[in-house]
ModelCIF file with pLDDT and N, C-alpha, C, O atoms, coordinates in Angstrom:
data_MODEL
#
_entry.id   MODEL 
#
_entity.id                         1 
_entity.type                       polymer 
_entity.pdbx_number_of_molecules   1 
#
_entity_poly.entity_id                      1 
_entity_poly.type                           'polypeptide(L)' 
_entity_poly.nstd_linkage                   no 
_entity_poly.nstd_monomer                   no 
_entity_poly.pdbx_seq_one_letter_code       QADLRGANLEAAKLNYAWFRGARLVDANLQEAKM 
_entity_poly.pdbx_seq_one_letter_code_can   QADLRGANLEAAKLNYAWFRGARLVDANLQEAKM 
_entity_poly.pdbx_strand_id                 A 
#
loop_
_entity_poly_seq.entity_id 
_entity_poly_seq.num 
_entity_poly_seq.mon_id 
_entity_poly_seq.hetero 
1 1  GLN n 
1 2  ALA n 
1 3  ASP n 
1 4  LEU n 
1 5  ARG n 
1 6  GLY n 
1 7  ALA n 
1 8  ASN n 
1 9  LEU n 
1 10 GLU n 
1 11 ALA n 
1 12 ALA n 
1 13 LYS n 
1 14 LEU n 
1 15 ASN n 
1 16 TYR n 
1 17 ALA n 
1 18 TRP n 
1 19 PHE n 
1 20 ARG n 
1 21 GLY n 
1 22 ALA n 
1 23 ARG n 
1 24 LEU n 
1 25 VAL n 
1 26 ASP n 
1 27 ALA n 
1 28 ASN n 
1 29 LEU n 
1 30 GLN n 
1 31 GLU n 
1 32 ALA n 
1 33 LYS n 
1 34 MET n 
#
_struct_asym.id          A 
_struct_asym.entity_id   1 
#
loop_
_ma_qa_metric.id 
_ma_qa_metric.mode 
_ma_qa_metric.name 
_ma_qa_metric.software_group_id 
_ma_qa_metric.type 
1 global pLDDT . pLDDT 
2 local  pLDDT . pLDDT 
#
_ma_qa_metric_global.metric_id      1 
_ma_qa_metric_global.metric_value   97.88 
_ma_qa_metric_global.model_id       1 
_ma_qa_metric_global.ordinal_id     1 
#
loop_
_ma_qa_metric_local.label_asym_id 
_ma_qa_metric_local.label_comp_id 
_ma_qa_metric_local.label_seq_id 
_ma_qa_metric_local.metric_id 
_ma_qa_metric_local.metric_value 
_ma_qa_metric_local.model_id 
_ma_qa_metric_local.ordinal_id 
A GLN 1  2 98.00 1 1  
A ALA 2  2 98.00 1 2  
A ASP 3  2 98.00 1 3  
A LEU 4  2 98.00 1 4  
A ARG 5  2 98.00 1 5  
A GLY 6  2 98.00 1 6  
A ALA 7  2 98.00 1 7  
A ASN 8  2 98.00 1 8  
A LEU 9  2 98.00 1 9  
A GLU 10 2 98.00 1 10 
A ALA 11 2 98.00 1 11 
A ALA 12 2 98.00 1 12 
A LYS 13 2 98.00 1 13 
A LEU 14 2 98.00 1 14 
A ASN 15 2 97.00 1 15 
A TYR 16 2 98.00 1 16 
A ALA 17 2 98.00 1 17 
A TRP 18 2 98.00 1 18 
A PHE 19 2 98.00 1 19 
A ARG 20 2 98.00 1 20 
A GLY 21 2 98.00 1 21 
A ALA 22 2 98.00 1 22 
A ARG 23 2 98.00 1 23 
A LEU 24 2 98.00 1 24 
A VAL 25 2 98.00 1 25 
A ASP 26 2 98.00 1 26 
A ALA 27 2 98.00 1 27 
A ASN 28 2 98.00 1 28 
A LEU 29 2 98.00 1 29 
A GLN 30 2 98.00 1 30 
A GLU 31 2 98.00 1 31 
A ALA 32 2 98.00 1 32 
A LYS 33 2 97.00 1 33 
A MET 34 2 96.00 1 34 
#
loop_
_atom_site.group_PDB 
_atom_site.id 
_atom_site.type_symbol 
_atom_site.label_atom_id 
_atom_site.label_alt_id 
_atom_site.label_comp_id 
_atom_site.label_asym_id 
_atom_site.label_entity_id 
_atom_site.label_seq_id 
_atom_site.pdbx_PDB_ins_code 
_atom_site.Cartn_x 
_atom_site.Cartn_y 
_atom_site.Cartn_z 
_atom_site.occupancy 
_atom_site.B_iso_or_equiv 
_atom_site.pdbx_formal_charge 
_atom_site.auth_seq_id 
_atom_site.auth_comp_id 
_atom_site.auth_asym_id 
_atom_site.auth_atom_id 
_atom_site.pdbx_PDB_model_num 
ATOM 1   N N  . GLN A 1 1  ? 6.679  8.897   1.420  1.00 98.00 ? 1  GLN A N  1 
ATOM 2   C CA . GLN A 1 1  ? 6.619  9.806   0.256  1.00 98.00 ? 1  GLN A CA 1 
ATOM 3   C C  . GLN A 1 1  ? 6.600  9.076   -1.093 1.00 98.00 ? 1  GLN A C  1 
ATOM 4   O O  . GLN A 1 1  ? 6.780  9.711   -2.133 1.00 98.00 ? 1  GLN A O  1 
ATOM 5   N N  . ALA A 1 2  ? 6.387  7.766   -1.095 1.00 98.00 ? 2  ALA A N  1 
ATOM 6   C CA . ALA A 1 2  ? 6.357  7.010   -2.362 1.00 98.00 ? 2  ALA A CA 1 
ATOM 7   C C  . ALA A 1 2  ? 5.029  7.214   -3.074 1.00 98.00 ? 2  ALA A C  1 
ATOM 8   O O  . ALA A 1 2  ? 4.010  7.497   -2.442 1.00 98.00 ? 2  ALA A O  1 
ATOM 9   N N  . ASP A 1 3  ? 5.049  7.068   -4.391 1.00 98.00 ? 3  ASP A N  1 
ATOM 10  C CA . ASP A 1 3  ? 3.855  7.209   -5.227 1.00 98.00 ? 3  ASP A CA 1 
ATOM 11  C C  . ASP A 1 3  ? 3.426  5.808   -5.670 1.00 98.00 ? 3  ASP A C  1 
ATOM 12  O O  . ASP A 1 3  ? 4.038  5.210   -6.555 1.00 98.00 ? 3  ASP A O  1 
ATOM 13  N N  . LEU A 1 4  ? 2.360  5.292   -5.037 1.00 98.00 ? 4  LEU A N  1 
ATOM 14  C CA . LEU A 1 4  ? 1.853  3.947   -5.322 1.00 98.00 ? 4  LEU A CA 1 
ATOM 15  C C  . LEU A 1 4  ? 0.466  4.016   -5.958 1.00 98.00 ? 4  LEU A C  1 
ATOM 16  O O  . LEU A 1 4  ? -0.360 3.127   -5.754 1.00 98.00 ? 4  LEU A O  1 
ATOM 17  N N  . ARG A 1 5  ? 0.213  5.081   -6.736 1.00 98.00 ? 5  ARG A N  1 
ATOM 18  C CA . ARG A 1 5  ? -1.098 5.206   -7.390 1.00 98.00 ? 5  ARG A CA 1 
ATOM 19  C C  . ARG A 1 5  ? -1.371 3.997   -8.272 1.00 98.00 ? 5  ARG A C  1 
ATOM 20  O O  . ARG A 1 5  ? -0.564 3.645   -9.132 1.00 98.00 ? 5  ARG A O  1 
ATOM 21  N N  . GLY A 1 6  ? -2.531 3.361   -8.044 1.00 98.00 ? 6  GLY A N  1 
ATOM 22  C CA . GLY A 1 6  ? -2.933 2.232   -8.878 1.00 98.00 ? 6  GLY A CA 1 
ATOM 23  C C  . GLY A 1 6  ? -2.082 0.986   -8.682 1.00 98.00 ? 6  GLY A C  1 
ATOM 24  O O  . GLY A 1 6  ? -2.175 0.051   -9.477 1.00 98.00 ? 6  GLY A O  1 
ATOM 25  N N  . ALA A 1 7  ? -1.260 0.952   -7.646 1.00 98.00 ? 7  ALA A N  1 
ATOM 26  C CA . ALA A 1 7  ? -0.410 -0.225  -7.409 1.00 98.00 ? 7  ALA A CA 1 
ATOM 27  C C  . ALA A 1 7  ? -1.253 -1.372  -6.861 1.00 98.00 ? 7  ALA A C  1 
ATOM 28  O O  . ALA A 1 7  ? -2.280 -1.154  -6.219 1.00 98.00 ? 7  ALA A O  1 
ATOM 29  N N  . ASN A 1 8  ? -0.807 -2.588  -7.122 1.00 98.00 ? 8  ASN A N  1 
ATOM 30  C CA . ASN A 1 8  ? -1.485 -3.779  -6.618 1.00 98.00 ? 8  ASN A CA 1 
ATOM 31  C C  . ASN A 1 8  ? -0.712 -4.321  -5.421 1.00 98.00 ? 8  ASN A C  1 
ATOM 32  O O  . ASN A 1 8  ? 0.389  -4.852  -5.574 1.00 98.00 ? 8  ASN A O  1 
ATOM 33  N N  . LEU A 1 9  ? -1.292 -4.186  -4.231 1.00 98.00 ? 9  LEU A N  1 
ATOM 34  C CA . LEU A 1 9  ? -0.680 -4.690  -2.999 1.00 98.00 ? 9  LEU A CA 1 
ATOM 35  C C  . LEU A 1 9  ? -1.535 -5.811  -2.409 1.00 98.00 ? 9  LEU A C  1 
ATOM 36  O O  . LEU A 1 9  ? -1.511 -6.057  -1.203 1.00 98.00 ? 9  LEU A O  1 
ATOM 37  N N  . GLU A 1 10 ? -2.292 -6.486  -3.277 1.00 98.00 ? 10 GLU A N  1 
ATOM 38  C CA . GLU A 1 10 ? -3.180 -7.526  -2.787 1.00 98.00 ? 10 GLU A CA 1 
ATOM 39  C C  . GLU A 1 10 ? -2.415 -8.612  -2.032 1.00 98.00 ? 10 GLU A C  1 
ATOM 40  O O  . GLU A 1 10 ? -1.434 -9.165  -2.528 1.00 98.00 ? 10 GLU A O  1 
ATOM 41  N N  . ALA A 1 11 ? -2.890 -8.901  -0.819 1.00 98.00 ? 11 ALA A N  1 
ATOM 42  C CA . ALA A 1 11 ? -2.323 -9.948  0.044  1.00 98.00 ? 11 ALA A CA 1 
ATOM 43  C C  . ALA A 1 11 ? -0.844 -9.730  0.372  1.00 98.00 ? 11 ALA A C  1 
ATOM 44  O O  . ALA A 1 11 ? -0.149 -10.666 0.768  1.00 98.00 ? 11 ALA A O  1 
ATOM 45  N N  . ALA A 1 12 ? -0.365 -8.491  0.206  1.00 98.00 ? 12 ALA A N  1 
ATOM 46  C CA . ALA A 1 12 ? 1.027  -8.198  0.571  1.00 98.00 ? 12 ALA A CA 1 
ATOM 47  C C  . ALA A 1 12 ? 1.154  -8.184  2.089  1.00 98.00 ? 12 ALA A C  1 
ATOM 48  O O  . ALA A 1 12 ? 0.218  -7.812  2.796  1.00 98.00 ? 12 ALA A O  1 
ATOM 49  N N  . LYS A 1 13 ? 2.313  -8.589  2.579  1.00 98.00 ? 13 LYS A N  1 
ATOM 50  C CA . LYS A 1 13 ? 2.577  -8.591  4.017  1.00 98.00 ? 13 LYS A CA 1 
ATOM 51  C C  . LYS A 1 13 ? 3.377  -7.328  4.338  1.00 98.00 ? 13 LYS A C  1 
ATOM 52  O O  . LYS A 1 13 ? 4.571  -7.243  4.050  1.00 98.00 ? 13 LYS A O  1 
ATOM 53  N N  . LEU A 1 14 ? 2.695  -6.351  4.938  1.00 98.00 ? 14 LEU A N  1 
ATOM 54  C CA . LEU A 1 14 ? 3.253  -5.015  5.135  1.00 98.00 ? 14 LEU A CA 1 
ATOM 55  C C  . LEU A 1 14 ? 3.347  -4.633  6.610  1.00 98.00 ? 14 LEU A C  1 
ATOM 56  O O  . LEU A 1 14 ? 3.444  -3.449  6.931  1.00 98.00 ? 14 LEU A O  1 
ATOM 57  N N  . ASN A 1 15 ? 3.320  -5.604  7.503  1.00 97.00 ? 15 ASN A N  1 
ATOM 58  C CA . ASN A 1 15 ? 3.352  -5.282  8.924  1.00 97.00 ? 15 ASN A CA 1 
ATOM 59  C C  . ASN A 1 15 ? 4.556  -4.405  9.264  1.00 97.00 ? 15 ASN A C  1 
ATOM 60  O O  . ASN A 1 15 ? 5.677  -4.656  8.821  1.00 97.00 ? 15 ASN A O  1 
ATOM 61  N N  . TYR A 1 16 ? 4.294  -3.366  10.066 1.00 98.00 ? 16 TYR A N  1 
ATOM 62  C CA . TYR A 1 16 ? 5.306  -2.408  10.536 1.00 98.00 ? 16 TYR A CA 1 
ATOM 63  C C  . TYR A 1 16 ? 5.923  -1.564  9.412  1.00 98.00 ? 16 TYR A C  1 
ATOM 64  O O  . TYR A 1 16 ? 6.940  -0.906  9.632  1.00 98.00 ? 16 TYR A O  1 
ATOM 65  N N  . ALA A 1 17 ? 5.334  -1.572  8.230  1.00 98.00 ? 17 ALA A N  1 
ATOM 66  C CA . ALA A 1 17 ? 5.862  -0.743  7.133  1.00 98.00 ? 17 ALA A CA 1 
ATOM 67  C C  . ALA A 1 17 ? 5.494  0.724   7.354  1.00 98.00 ? 17 ALA A C  1 
ATOM 68  O O  . ALA A 1 17 ? 4.544  1.029   8.075  1.00 98.00 ? 17 ALA A O  1 
ATOM 69  N N  . TRP A 1 18 ? 6.245  1.623   6.733  1.00 98.00 ? 18 TRP A N  1 
ATOM 70  C CA . TRP A 1 18 ? 6.002  3.061   6.799  1.00 98.00 ? 18 TRP A CA 1 
ATOM 71  C C  . TRP A 1 18 ? 5.502  3.552   5.449  1.00 98.00 ? 18 TRP A C  1 
ATOM 72  O O  . TRP A 1 18 ? 6.135  3.336   4.415  1.00 98.00 ? 18 TRP A O  1 
ATOM 73  N N  . PHE A 1 19 ? 4.336  4.229   5.481  1.00 98.00 ? 19 PHE A N  1 
ATOM 74  C CA . PHE A 1 19 ? 3.765  4.846   4.286  1.00 98.00 ? 19 PHE A CA 1 
ATOM 75  C C  . PHE A 1 19 ? 3.548  6.332   4.564  1.00 98.00 ? 19 PHE A C  1 
ATOM 76  O O  . PHE A 1 19 ? 2.601  6.927   4.050  1.00 98.00 ? 19 PHE A O  1 
ATOM 77  N N  . ARG A 1 20 ? 4.411  6.927   5.364  1.00 98.00 ? 20 ARG A N  1 
ATOM 78  C CA . ARG A 1 20 ? 4.222  8.324   5.757  1.00 98.00 ? 20 ARG A CA 1 
ATOM 79  C C  . ARG A 1 20 ? 4.248  9.239   4.525  1.00 98.00 ? 20 ARG A C  1 
ATOM 80  O O  . ARG A 1 20 ? 5.253  9.323   3.819  1.00 98.00 ? 20 ARG A O  1 
ATOM 81  N N  . GLY A 1 21 ? 3.124  9.921   4.285  1.00 98.00 ? 21 GLY A N  1 
ATOM 82  C CA . GLY A 1 21 ? 3.046  10.829  3.144  1.00 98.00 ? 21 GLY A CA 1 
ATOM 83  C C  . GLY A 1 21 ? 2.977  10.127  1.798  1.00 98.00 ? 21 GLY A C  1 
ATOM 84  O O  . GLY A 1 21 ? 3.132  10.767  0.758  1.00 98.00 ? 21 GLY A O  1 
ATOM 85  N N  . ALA A 1 22 ? 2.746  8.816   1.804  1.00 98.00 ? 22 ALA A N  1 
ATOM 86  C CA . ALA A 1 22 ? 2.694  8.055   0.541  1.00 98.00 ? 22 ALA A CA 1 
ATOM 87  C C  . ALA A 1 22 ? 1.347  8.241   -0.150 1.00 98.00 ? 22 ALA A C  1 
ATOM 88  O O  . ALA A 1 22 ? 0.335  8.520   0.493  1.00 98.00 ? 22 ALA A O  1 
ATOM 89  N N  . ARG A 1 23 ? 1.354  8.081   -1.474 1.00 98.00 ? 23 ARG A N  1 
ATOM 90  C CA . ARG A 1 23 ? 0.128  8.173   -2.270 1.00 98.00 ? 23 ARG A CA 1 
ATOM 91  C C  . ARG A 1 23 ? -0.293 6.766   -2.671 1.00 98.00 ? 23 ARG A C  1 
ATOM 92  O O  . ARG A 1 23 ? 0.363  6.112   -3.482 1.00 98.00 ? 23 ARG A O  1 
ATOM 93  N N  . LEU A 1 24 ? -1.412 6.306   -2.082 1.00 98.00 ? 24 LEU A N  1 
ATOM 94  C CA . LEU A 1 24 ? -1.954 4.979   -2.393 1.00 98.00 ? 24 LEU A CA 1 
ATOM 95  C C  . LEU A 1 24 ? -3.306 5.128   -3.074 1.00 98.00 ? 24 LEU A C  1 
ATOM 96  O O  . LEU A 1 24 ? -4.180 4.272   -2.937 1.00 98.00 ? 24 LEU A O  1 
ATOM 97  N N  . VAL A 1 25 ? -3.471 6.224   -3.809 1.00 98.00 ? 25 VAL A N  1 
ATOM 98  C CA . VAL A 1 25 ? -4.722 6.513   -4.500 1.00 98.00 ? 25 VAL A CA 1 
ATOM 99  C C  . VAL A 1 25 ? -5.017 5.394   -5.495 1.00 98.00 ? 25 VAL A C  1 
ATOM 100 O O  . VAL A 1 25 ? -4.170 5.026   -6.308 1.00 98.00 ? 25 VAL A O  1 
ATOM 101 N N  . ASP A 1 26 ? -6.244 4.858   -5.412 1.00 98.00 ? 26 ASP A N  1 
ATOM 102 C CA . ASP A 1 26 ? -6.707 3.796   -6.317 1.00 98.00 ? 26 ASP A CA 1 
ATOM 103 C C  . ASP A 1 26 ? -5.874 2.511   -6.220 1.00 98.00 ? 26 ASP A C  1 
ATOM 104 O O  . ASP A 1 26 ? -5.922 1.682   -7.129 1.00 98.00 ? 26 ASP A O  1 
ATOM 105 N N  . ALA A 1 27 ? -5.118 2.333   -5.141 1.00 98.00 ? 27 ALA A N  1 
ATOM 106 C CA . ALA A 1 27 ? -4.322 1.112   -4.971 1.00 98.00 ? 27 ALA A CA 1 
ATOM 107 C C  . ALA A 1 27 ? -5.224 -0.047  -4.543 1.00 98.00 ? 27 ALA A C  1 
ATOM 108 O O  . ALA A 1 27 ? -6.258 0.161   -3.909 1.00 98.00 ? 27 ALA A O  1 
ATOM 109 N N  . ASN A 1 28 ? -4.824 -1.252  -4.892 1.00 98.00 ? 28 ASN A N  1 
ATOM 110 C CA . ASN A 1 28 ? -5.542 -2.452  -4.471 1.00 98.00 ? 28 ASN A CA 1 
ATOM 111 C C  . ASN A 1 28 ? -4.887 -2.979  -3.203 1.00 98.00 ? 28 ASN A C  1 
ATOM 112 O O  . ASN A 1 28 ? -3.772 -3.501  -3.241 1.00 98.00 ? 28 ASN A O  1 
ATOM 113 N N  . LEU A 1 29 ? -5.590 -2.838  -2.071 1.00 98.00 ? 29 LEU A N  1 
ATOM 114 C CA . LEU A 1 29 ? -5.073 -3.289  -0.781 1.00 98.00 ? 29 LEU A CA 1 
ATOM 115 C C  . LEU A 1 29 ? -5.854 -4.506  -0.272 1.00 98.00 ? 29 LEU A C  1 
ATOM 116 O O  . LEU A 1 29 ? -5.807 -4.826  0.916  1.00 98.00 ? 29 LEU A O  1 
ATOM 117 N N  . GLN A 1 30 ? -6.566 -5.174  -1.172 1.00 98.00 ? 30 GLN A N  1 
ATOM 118 C CA . GLN A 1 30 ? -7.375 -6.315  -0.739 1.00 98.00 ? 30 GLN A CA 1 
ATOM 119 C C  . GLN A 1 30 ? -6.515 -7.358  -0.028 1.00 98.00 ? 30 GLN A C  1 
ATOM 120 O O  . GLN A 1 30 ? -5.479 -7.784  -0.538 1.00 98.00 ? 30 GLN A O  1 
ATOM 121 N N  . GLU A 1 31 ? -6.969 -7.757  1.160  1.00 98.00 ? 31 GLU A N  1 
ATOM 122 C CA . GLU A 1 31 ? -6.304 -8.777  1.977  1.00 98.00 ? 31 GLU A CA 1 
ATOM 123 C C  . GLU A 1 31 ? -4.876 -8.419  2.381  1.00 98.00 ? 31 GLU A C  1 
ATOM 124 O O  . GLU A 1 31 ? -4.133 -9.290  2.835  1.00 98.00 ? 31 GLU A O  1 
ATOM 125 N N  . ALA A 1 32 ? -4.478 -7.160  2.226  1.00 98.00 ? 32 ALA A N  1 
ATOM 126 C CA . ALA A 1 32 ? -3.129 -6.752  2.661  1.00 98.00 ? 32 ALA A CA 1 
ATOM 127 C C  . ALA A 1 32 ? -3.057 -6.803  4.182  1.00 98.00 ? 32 ALA A C  1 
ATOM 128 O O  . ALA A 1 32 ? -4.013 -6.450  4.873  1.00 98.00 ? 32 ALA A O  1 
ATOM 129 N N  . LYS A 1 33 ? -1.926 -7.241  4.688  1.00 97.00 ? 33 LYS A N  1 
ATOM 130 C CA . LYS A 1 33 ? -1.703 -7.298  6.134  1.00 97.00 ? 33 LYS A CA 1 
ATOM 131 C C  . LYS A 1 33 ? -0.916 -6.044  6.519  1.00 97.00 ? 33 LYS A C  1 
ATOM 132 O O  . LYS A 1 33 ? 0.268  -5.926  6.204  1.00 97.00 ? 33 LYS A O  1 
ATOM 133 N N  . MET A 1 34 ? -1.587 -5.101  7.209  1.00 96.00 ? 34 MET A N  1 
ATOM 134 C CA . MET A 1 34 ? -0.977 -3.810  7.521  1.00 96.00 ? 34 MET A CA 1 
ATOM 135 C C  . MET A 1 34 ? -0.998 -3.554  9.019  1.00 96.00 ? 34 MET A C  1 
ATOM 136 O O  . MET A 1 34 ? -0.526 -2.512  9.474  1.00 96.00 ? 34 MET A O  1 
#
């Protein structure tokens, strides 16, 4: 349920993370490990 609009998650290590109902609109997920 987090609001990550326009957030920069480039190359972030997010393995096993929960984004249930999260807003990642216009977020930068380049090279993110998900």
